[in-house]
Amino acid sequence: MNKDGKKSIVIVGDTFPTYANMKYFCDGNTELLFGEKICDIFAKADLSICNLEGALSDNPEKCNKVGPVLVAPSKAVTLYKNLGIDYCALANNHITDGGHQGVIDTMNALKQVGIQFIGAGCNENEINHFFIFNLGKYKVCLYNVSETFFNRPSVQKAGVWLYDEYLVCKEISELKQKCDYLIVIYHGGIEYFRFPSPEMKKRFHRMADNGANMILSQHTHCIGCEEWYKGAYLLYGQGNFLFRDYLPGATDEGLILEIVFTEEKIEVIKHLVKCIDKSFVRYSDVQDLSAFVQRSDMLNNEMYVNGELQRFCMRKLQRYLGACRNQSELFKLARKLFPSLTEWYLLKTYRLKNLLIILFALRSEQIREESTVSLEVLLKDKL
């Protein structure tokens, strides 16, 4: 607690070691990894929360999935403890990268050093995805939920709390009756895109309509934009804290969110931090959020945002259309050498009916469910 009577909560985004800084995580060297200014922010906070973006496990088990598989030695938990993290949000797309056992190992590693966690559990019936605590005169609730990736739990399989609109909004409404301030940490959105999709924006508005006072989106790996909606603070993209660097200039920065509670008001303070040499994070000497402010001003310009979304998604089209058909090794090589030419060829070889079938499969709840069940059966036999 601050000397002036204020109380504060610090929340940061995706945090996980890389090959370059793994040793420092395992040694718990917070000063080297984060610098004095950031460590001081954590030291003064009454509660600190981060998104633990991966599994902490020494088990060789790995998840069969598309995309990076993020597993670090359980000893890396030392860094989270030394930094002063009180709670780790686990509802994300990488906590299951170490398979069922990896989730169990992560939770055990956190327990051993006295760090609490929310958002994940050893099966679908044992996921603690919210907690309520007192902060001064306020009763605060933290709620953690994720979009669906390779992280779905079952009766016998560990996983995370997934977004189901009816359940989530109903719970938020009920929890708000028990607290003064409700914060949602939401893991989802379009990676590397700085605006919310129309569906994501609707979800945030619905949660706010049901009582959420603050909703923070993580997972996009870049700083997005903000909105005040009916008195609720919505942050569409908090950016990374310390994570893998994919797009220099975008994924190498993030926001530390400091929520300050006083007798009179609740204040939201944003601190800009930047990753250095893909290994360290430092408090930015120049707290320039002008681009963030400009994007926020454009958020309700639907024509502009939809145009940006369409341009962004079209750059991904070749990848998804290519996944709908088997590709020879020669074609894969051609894609690397002549990306524009192979994209043109790929698009030309799809008939209108093919594209309509794909669109129907993505839109139709029936076809999507049929496809999901049949593919799960197919993959179960193959893996």
Protein backbone atom coordinates (compact mmCIF):
# COMPACT_ATOMS: atom_id res chain seq x y z
CA MET A 1 0.00 0.00 0.00
CA ASN A 2 1.25 3.46 -0.86
CA LYS A 3 2.05 5.88 1.96
CA ASP A 4 -0.67 8.29 0.81
CA GLY A 5 -3.38 5.69 1.45
CA LYS A 6 -3.86 4.68 -2.18
CA LYS A 7 -4.09 1.03 -3.14
CA SER A 8 -3.23 -0.33 -6.55
CA ILE A 9 -3.41 -3.38 -8.80
CA VAL A 10 -0.80 -3.95 -11.51
CA ILE A 11 -1.71 -6.10 -14.51
CA VAL A 12 0.70 -7.02 -17.32
CA GLY A 13 0.26 -9.03 -20.50
CA ASP A 14 1.97 -12.08 -21.95
CA THR A 15 4.98 -13.09 -19.88
CA PHE A 16 7.15 -16.11 -20.69
CA PRO A 17 10.86 -16.86 -21.12
CA THR A 18 12.62 -17.18 -24.45
CA TYR A 19 15.75 -19.18 -25.24
CA ALA A 20 17.74 -15.97 -24.91
CA ASN A 21 16.66 -15.18 -21.35
CA MET A 22 15.72 -18.60 -19.94
CA LYS A 23 18.69 -18.58 -17.55
CA TYR A 24 17.64 -15.25 -16.05
CA PHE A 25 14.10 -16.53 -15.51
CA CYS A 26 15.38 -19.62 -13.73
CA ASP A 27 17.73 -17.49 -11.63
CA GLY A 28 14.93 -15.05 -10.84
CA ASN A 29 17.02 -12.06 -11.94
CA THR A 30 14.30 -9.40 -11.99
CA GLU A 31 16.66 -6.41 -11.96
CA LEU A 32 18.41 -7.55 -15.14
CA LEU A 33 15.24 -8.55 -16.96
CA PHE A 34 13.04 -5.58 -16.05
CA GLY A 35 15.16 -2.77 -14.64
CA GLU A 36 14.68 -0.69 -11.51
CA LYS A 37 11.67 1.38 -12.63
CA ILE A 38 9.47 -1.62 -13.52
CA CYS A 39 10.50 -3.54 -10.42
CA ASP A 40 9.56 -0.49 -8.35
CA ILE A 41 6.05 -0.43 -9.86
CA PHE A 42 5.54 -4.05 -8.83
CA ALA A 43 7.01 -3.48 -5.37
CA LYS A 44 4.56 -0.67 -4.62
CA ALA A 45 1.48 -2.53 -5.89
CA ASP A 46 -0.93 -4.20 -3.47
CA LEU A 47 -1.66 -6.94 -6.01
CA SER A 48 0.21 -7.92 -9.19
CA ILE A 49 -1.15 -10.09 -11.99
CA CYS A 50 0.40 -11.39 -15.21
CA ASN A 51 -0.65 -13.67 -18.04
CA LEU A 52 1.59 -16.76 -17.86
CA GLU A 53 1.78 -17.51 -21.59
CA GLY A 54 2.99 -21.12 -21.56
CA ALA A 55 3.56 -24.21 -19.44
CA LEU A 56 6.16 -24.58 -16.69
CA SER A 57 7.01 -28.26 -16.79
CA ASP A 58 9.95 -30.65 -16.87
CA ASN A 59 7.78 -33.36 -18.43
CA PRO A 60 8.52 -34.28 -22.08
CA GLU A 61 4.83 -34.36 -23.03
CA LYS A 62 3.84 -31.79 -25.66
CA CYS A 63 0.54 -30.73 -27.21
CA ASN A 64 -0.12 -31.67 -30.84
CA LYS A 65 -1.12 -28.34 -32.35
CA VAL A 66 -0.48 -25.73 -35.01
CA GLY A 67 1.82 -22.87 -34.01
CA PRO A 68 4.60 -22.43 -31.44
CA VAL A 69 4.77 -24.82 -28.49
CA LEU A 70 5.84 -22.92 -25.38
CA VAL A 71 7.15 -24.96 -22.46
CA ALA A 72 9.79 -23.80 -19.98
CA PRO A 73 11.47 -25.58 -17.04
CA SER A 74 9.45 -25.43 -13.84
CA LYS A 75 12.36 -23.57 -12.22
CA ALA A 76 11.44 -20.52 -14.33
CA VAL A 77 8.68 -19.88 -11.78
CA THR A 78 11.43 -18.23 -9.68
CA LEU A 79 11.20 -15.11 -11.82
CA TYR A 80 7.46 -14.70 -11.31
CA LYS A 81 7.91 -15.09 -7.56
CA ASN A 82 10.81 -12.64 -7.31
CA LEU A 83 9.00 -10.04 -9.41
CA GLY A 84 6.18 -10.08 -6.89
CA ILE A 85 3.46 -11.68 -8.99
CA ASP A 86 0.50 -12.62 -6.78
CA TYR A 87 -1.77 -14.16 -9.41
CA CYS A 88 -1.09 -15.75 -12.79
CA ALA A 89 -3.87 -15.75 -15.38
CA LEU A 90 -3.75 -19.13 -17.13
CA ALA A 91 -6.73 -18.94 -19.49
CA ASN A 92 -4.74 -18.61 -22.71
CA ASN A 93 -3.73 -20.57 -25.80
CA HIS A 94 -0.32 -21.80 -24.60
CA ILE A 95 -0.90 -23.11 -21.07
CA THR A 96 -1.80 -26.51 -22.60
CA ASP A 97 1.35 -26.67 -24.75
CA GLY A 98 2.83 -29.18 -22.32
CA GLY A 99 -0.27 -31.35 -22.60
CA HIS A 100 -2.42 -32.39 -19.66
CA GLN A 101 0.59 -32.95 -17.42
CA GLY A 102 2.05 -29.57 -18.34
CA VAL A 103 -1.00 -27.79 -16.96
CA ILE A 104 -0.81 -29.82 -13.74
CA ASP A 105 2.94 -29.14 -13.42
CA THR A 106 2.42 -25.41 -13.96
CA MET A 107 -0.22 -25.18 -11.27
CA ASN A 108 1.96 -27.18 -8.87
CA ALA A 109 5.00 -25.00 -9.58
CA LEU A 110 2.98 -21.87 -8.80
CA LYS A 111 1.56 -23.40 -5.63
CA GLN A 112 5.03 -24.30 -4.38
CA VAL A 113 6.16 -20.67 -4.42
CA GLY A 114 2.88 -19.28 -3.12
CA ILE A 115 1.53 -17.77 -6.35
CA GLN A 116 -2.20 -18.14 -6.93
CA PHE A 117 -3.69 -18.79 -10.37
CA ILE A 118 -7.01 -18.54 -12.17
CA GLY A 119 -8.40 -19.61 -15.54
CA ALA A 120 -7.20 -23.22 -15.79
CA GLY A 121 -7.79 -26.54 -14.06
CA CYS A 122 -7.05 -30.25 -14.18
CA ASN A 123 -10.45 -30.91 -15.84
CA GLU A 124 -13.53 -29.03 -16.99
CA ASN A 125 -15.16 -29.26 -13.57
CA GLU A 126 -12.22 -27.90 -11.57
CA ILE A 127 -11.42 -24.56 -13.15
CA ASN A 128 -11.29 -21.63 -10.76
CA HIS A 129 -11.66 -18.69 -13.13
CA PHE A 130 -12.41 -15.79 -10.76
CA PHE A 131 -11.52 -14.54 -7.31
CA ILE A 132 -12.89 -11.77 -5.11
CA PHE A 133 -10.72 -9.79 -2.70
CA ASN A 134 -10.86 -6.65 -0.59
CA LEU A 135 -8.84 -3.58 -1.52
CA GLY A 136 -9.39 -0.71 0.86
CA LYS A 137 -13.09 0.06 0.88
CA TYR A 138 -13.57 -1.79 -2.44
CA LYS A 139 -14.47 -5.41 -3.06
CA VAL A 140 -12.82 -6.36 -6.37
CA CYS A 141 -13.40 -9.38 -8.61
CA LEU A 142 -10.91 -10.65 -11.21
CA TYR A 143 -12.35 -12.86 -13.97
CA ASN A 144 -10.21 -14.78 -16.51
CA VAL A 145 -11.52 -16.27 -19.77
CA SER A 146 -10.08 -17.32 -23.13
CA GLU A 147 -11.21 -17.86 -26.67
CA THR A 148 -11.06 -21.46 -27.90
CA PHE A 149 -7.73 -22.70 -29.26
CA PHE A 150 -6.09 -26.06 -28.50
CA ASN A 151 -7.01 -25.47 -24.85
CA ARG A 152 -10.44 -27.05 -24.43
CA PRO A 153 -10.79 -29.09 -21.22
CA SER A 154 -12.77 -32.29 -20.79
CA VAL A 155 -13.84 -34.51 -17.92
CA GLN A 156 -10.41 -36.14 -17.95
CA LYS A 157 -8.26 -33.47 -19.56
CA ALA A 158 -6.85 -30.20 -18.23
CA GLY A 159 -7.74 -26.97 -19.99
CA VAL A 160 -8.96 -23.41 -19.50
CA TRP A 161 -12.16 -21.47 -18.92
CA LEU A 162 -13.55 -20.76 -22.40
CA TYR A 163 -15.81 -17.96 -23.54
CA ASP A 164 -19.43 -19.06 -23.64
CA GLU A 165 -21.50 -15.92 -23.96
CA TYR A 166 -24.46 -17.09 -21.92
CA LEU A 167 -22.38 -18.53 -19.07
CA VAL A 168 -19.84 -15.70 -18.94
CA CYS A 169 -22.36 -12.86 -19.03
CA LYS A 170 -24.62 -14.62 -16.51
CA GLU A 171 -21.67 -15.13 -14.15
CA ILE A 172 -20.47 -11.55 -14.53
CA SER A 173 -23.95 -10.29 -13.71
CA GLU A 174 -24.11 -12.48 -10.58
CA LEU A 175 -20.56 -11.65 -9.47
CA LYS A 176 -21.16 -7.93 -9.84
CA GLN A 177 -23.80 -8.22 -7.12
CA LYS A 178 -21.01 -9.35 -4.77
CA CYS A 179 -18.34 -6.78 -5.63
CA ASP A 180 -17.82 -3.09 -6.38
CA TYR A 181 -15.39 -3.44 -9.29
CA LEU A 182 -15.08 -6.32 -11.75
CA ILE A 183 -12.07 -6.81 -14.04
CA VAL A 184 -12.10 -9.26 -16.94
CA ILE A 185 -8.82 -10.51 -18.42
CA TYR A 186 -9.82 -11.82 -21.83
CA HIS A 187 -7.39 -13.84 -23.92
CA GLY A 188 -8.33 -13.46 -27.56
CA GLY A 189 -8.56 -11.24 -30.58
CA ILE A 190 -6.66 -11.24 -33.87
CA GLU A 191 -2.92 -11.57 -33.38
CA TYR A 192 -0.88 -8.55 -34.55
CA PHE A 193 -4.04 -6.57 -35.43
CA ARG A 194 -4.45 -3.35 -33.48
CA PHE A 195 -8.25 -3.10 -33.59
CA PRO A 196 -10.98 -5.38 -32.28
CA SER A 197 -13.00 -7.40 -34.78
CA PRO A 198 -16.73 -6.61 -34.83
CA GLU A 199 -17.42 -9.85 -32.93
CA MET A 200 -14.84 -9.08 -30.27
CA LYS A 201 -16.22 -5.58 -29.78
CA LYS A 202 -19.73 -7.02 -29.35
CA ARG A 203 -18.44 -9.48 -26.75
CA PHE A 204 -16.79 -6.72 -24.75
CA HIS A 205 -19.94 -4.59 -24.88
CA ARG A 206 -22.07 -7.51 -23.73
CA MET A 207 -19.77 -8.21 -20.78
CA ALA A 208 -19.82 -4.52 -19.88
CA ASP A 209 -23.62 -4.48 -20.17
CA ASN A 210 -23.69 -7.27 -17.60
CA GLY A 211 -21.52 -5.47 -15.08
CA ALA A 212 -17.83 -5.67 -16.05
CA ASN A 213 -16.08 -2.40 -15.14
CA MET A 214 -12.86 -3.17 -17.00
CA ILE A 215 -12.03 -5.64 -19.78
CA LEU A 216 -8.45 -6.18 -20.92
CA SER A 217 -7.62 -8.07 -24.09
CA GLN A 218 -4.37 -9.98 -24.21
CA HIS A 219 -3.09 -12.44 -26.88
CA THR A 220 -2.79 -9.98 -29.79
CA HIS A 221 0.88 -9.30 -28.87
CA CYS A 222 0.58 -5.64 -29.82
CA ILE A 223 -0.87 -2.51 -28.25
CA GLY A 224 -4.30 -1.86 -29.71
CA CYS A 225 -6.77 0.83 -28.69
CA GLU A 226 -9.13 1.74 -25.86
CA GLU A 227 -12.76 2.66 -25.39
CA TRP A 228 -14.99 3.89 -22.59
CA TYR A 229 -18.37 2.20 -22.95
CA LYS A 230 -21.19 2.99 -20.51
CA GLY A 231 -18.62 3.81 -17.85
CA ALA A 232 -16.57 0.63 -18.42
CA TYR A 233 -12.95 0.77 -19.55
CA LEU A 234 -12.22 -1.53 -22.51
CA LEU A 235 -8.65 -2.14 -23.67
CA TYR A 236 -8.43 -3.95 -27.00
CA GLY A 237 -4.83 -5.17 -26.92
CA GLN A 238 -2.51 -4.70 -23.94
CA GLY A 239 0.56 -5.88 -25.82
CA ASN A 240 3.33 -8.13 -24.53
CA PHE A 241 5.17 -7.71 -21.26
CA LEU A 242 8.06 -10.08 -21.89
CA PHE A 243 7.43 -12.56 -24.68
CA ARG A 244 8.70 -13.74 -28.05
CA ASP A 245 9.39 -10.98 -30.57
CA TYR A 246 7.69 -11.69 -33.91
CA LEU A 247 7.15 -8.23 -35.39
CA PRO A 248 9.72 -5.63 -34.26
CA GLY A 249 8.02 -2.33 -33.60
CA ALA A 250 4.74 -4.02 -32.67
CA THR A 251 5.27 -7.10 -30.50
CA ASP A 252 8.23 -5.62 -28.64
CA GLU A 253 6.13 -3.21 -26.60
CA GLY A 254 3.27 -3.37 -24.16
CA LEU A 255 1.38 -1.59 -21.42
CA ILE A 256 1.66 -2.05 -17.69
CA LEU A 257 -1.81 -1.25 -16.43
CA GLU A 258 -1.92 0.26 -12.96
CA ILE A 259 -5.36 0.56 -11.38
CA VAL A 260 -5.27 2.99 -8.46
CA PHE A 261 -8.04 2.94 -5.88
CA THR A 262 -8.62 5.93 -3.60
CA GLU A 263 -11.54 6.93 -1.39
CA GLU A 264 -12.81 9.27 -4.11
CA LYS A 265 -12.17 7.47 -7.41
CA ILE A 266 -10.59 4.67 -9.40
CA GLU A 267 -7.86 5.76 -11.82
CA VAL A 268 -6.36 3.79 -14.72
CA ILE A 269 -2.68 4.55 -15.43
CA LYS A 270 -0.87 3.17 -18.49
CA HIS A 271 2.91 2.67 -18.49
CA LEU A 272 4.63 1.99 -21.81
CA VAL A 273 7.39 -0.64 -21.72
CA LYS A 274 9.63 -1.95 -24.49
CA CYS A 275 11.56 -5.15 -25.08
CA ILE A 276 15.32 -4.82 -25.62
CA ASP A 277 17.40 -7.37 -27.55
CA LYS A 278 14.51 -9.89 -27.39
CA SER A 279 15.49 -10.56 -23.78
CA PHE A 280 14.86 -7.61 -21.46
CA VAL A 281 12.05 -5.15 -20.77
CA ARG A 282 12.59 -1.53 -19.85
CA TYR A 283 10.34 1.34 -18.87
CA SER A 284 10.16 3.60 -21.91
CA ASP A 285 11.89 6.92 -21.37
CA VAL A 286 9.43 8.51 -23.78
CA GLN A 287 5.87 7.63 -22.78
CA ASP A 288 4.53 8.33 -26.26
CA LEU A 289 1.03 6.89 -26.67
CA SER A 290 -0.02 9.23 -29.47
CA ALA A 291 -0.51 6.39 -31.99
CA PHE A 292 -2.58 4.52 -29.39
CA VAL A 293 -4.75 7.62 -28.90
CA GLN A 294 -5.18 8.06 -32.67
CA ARG A 295 -6.32 4.45 -33.08
CA SER A 296 -8.74 4.86 -30.19
CA ASP A 297 -10.21 7.93 -31.87
CA MET A 298 -10.81 5.85 -35.03
CA LEU A 299 -12.36 2.90 -33.20
CA ASN A 300 -15.96 3.86 -33.90
CA ASN A 301 -15.28 4.64 -37.56
CA GLU A 302 -16.63 1.31 -38.80
CA MET A 303 -15.70 1.92 -42.43
CA TYR A 304 -12.08 2.59 -41.53
CA VAL A 305 -11.73 -0.31 -39.06
CA ASN A 306 -13.45 -2.79 -41.40
CA GLY A 307 -11.16 -1.68 -44.21
CA GLU A 308 -8.10 -2.26 -42.05
CA LEU A 309 -9.47 -5.65 -41.01
CA GLN A 310 -10.11 -6.73 -44.59
CA ARG A 311 -6.62 -5.72 -45.71
CA PHE A 312 -5.07 -7.54 -42.77
CA CYS A 313 -7.08 -10.72 -43.31
CA MET A 314 -6.46 -10.83 -47.06
CA ARG A 315 -2.76 -11.20 -46.31
CA LYS A 316 -3.62 -14.43 -44.47
CA LEU A 317 -5.92 -15.85 -47.13
CA GLN A 318 -3.29 -17.91 -48.97
CA ARG A 319 -2.40 -19.71 -45.75
CA TYR A 320 -5.95 -20.78 -45.04
CA LEU A 321 -6.86 -21.71 -48.59
CA GLY A 322 -3.65 -23.69 -48.83
CA ALA A 323 -4.60 -25.64 -45.73
CA CYS A 324 -7.81 -26.80 -47.43
CA ARG A 325 -5.90 -29.01 -49.85
CA ASN A 326 -2.86 -31.24 -49.71
CA GLN A 327 0.26 -29.56 -51.07
CA SER A 328 3.27 -31.25 -52.59
CA GLU A 329 6.76 -30.49 -51.33
CA LEU A 330 7.46 -28.81 -54.68
CA PHE A 331 4.50 -26.47 -54.21
CA LYS A 332 5.64 -25.62 -50.67
CA LEU A 333 9.07 -24.75 -52.03
CA ALA A 334 7.51 -22.61 -54.75
CA ARG A 335 5.52 -20.72 -52.11
CA LYS A 336 8.75 -19.76 -50.39
CA LEU A 337 10.53 -18.75 -53.60
CA PHE A 338 7.62 -17.14 -55.47
CA PRO A 339 4.95 -16.16 -52.90
CA SER A 340 3.03 -13.76 -55.16
CA LEU A 341 2.93 -16.18 -58.08
CA THR A 342 1.80 -19.14 -55.98
CA GLU A 343 -0.84 -16.99 -54.29
CA TRP A 344 -2.23 -16.04 -57.70
CA TYR A 345 -2.16 -19.70 -58.80
CA LEU A 346 -3.83 -20.88 -55.61
CA LEU A 347 -6.65 -18.36 -55.89
CA LYS A 348 -7.20 -19.09 -59.59
CA THR A 349 -7.56 -22.83 -58.98
CA TYR A 350 -10.43 -22.41 -56.53
CA ARG A 351 -13.83 -22.52 -58.18
CA LEU A 352 -16.68 -20.36 -56.89
CA LYS A 353 -18.41 -23.42 -55.46
CA ASN A 354 -15.26 -24.40 -53.53
CA LEU A 355 -15.06 -20.98 -51.91
CA LEU A 356 -18.77 -21.01 -51.06
CA ILE A 357 -18.42 -24.42 -49.38
CA ILE A 358 -15.53 -23.14 -47.26
CA LEU A 359 -17.47 -20.01 -46.31
CA PHE A 360 -20.54 -22.09 -45.46
CA ALA A 361 -18.46 -24.45 -43.31
CA LEU A 362 -17.10 -21.49 -41.34
CA ARG A 363 -20.45 -19.73 -40.97
CA SER A 364 -22.83 -22.62 -40.40
CA GLU A 365 -23.02 -23.86 -36.82
CA GLN A 366 -24.15 -27.28 -38.05
CA ILE A 367 -21.33 -27.74 -40.55
CA ARG A 368 -18.76 -26.31 -38.16
CA GLU A 369 -19.81 -28.75 -35.44
CA GLU A 370 -19.87 -31.71 -37.84
CA SER A 371 -16.43 -30.79 -39.12
CA THR A 372 -15.01 -30.34 -35.63
CA VAL A 373 -16.25 -33.72 -34.39
CA SER A 374 -15.13 -35.62 -37.49
CA LEU A 375 -11.68 -33.97 -37.52
CA GLU A 376 -11.17 -34.75 -33.84
CA VAL A 377 -11.94 -38.41 -34.57
CA LEU A 378 -9.59 -38.39 -37.55
CA LEU A 379 -6.75 -36.78 -35.61
CA LYS A 380 -7.22 -39.17 -32.70
CA ASP A 381 -6.44 -42.07 -35.04
CA LYS A 382 -3.49 -40.30 -36.65
CA LEU A 383 -1.69 -39.03 -33.55
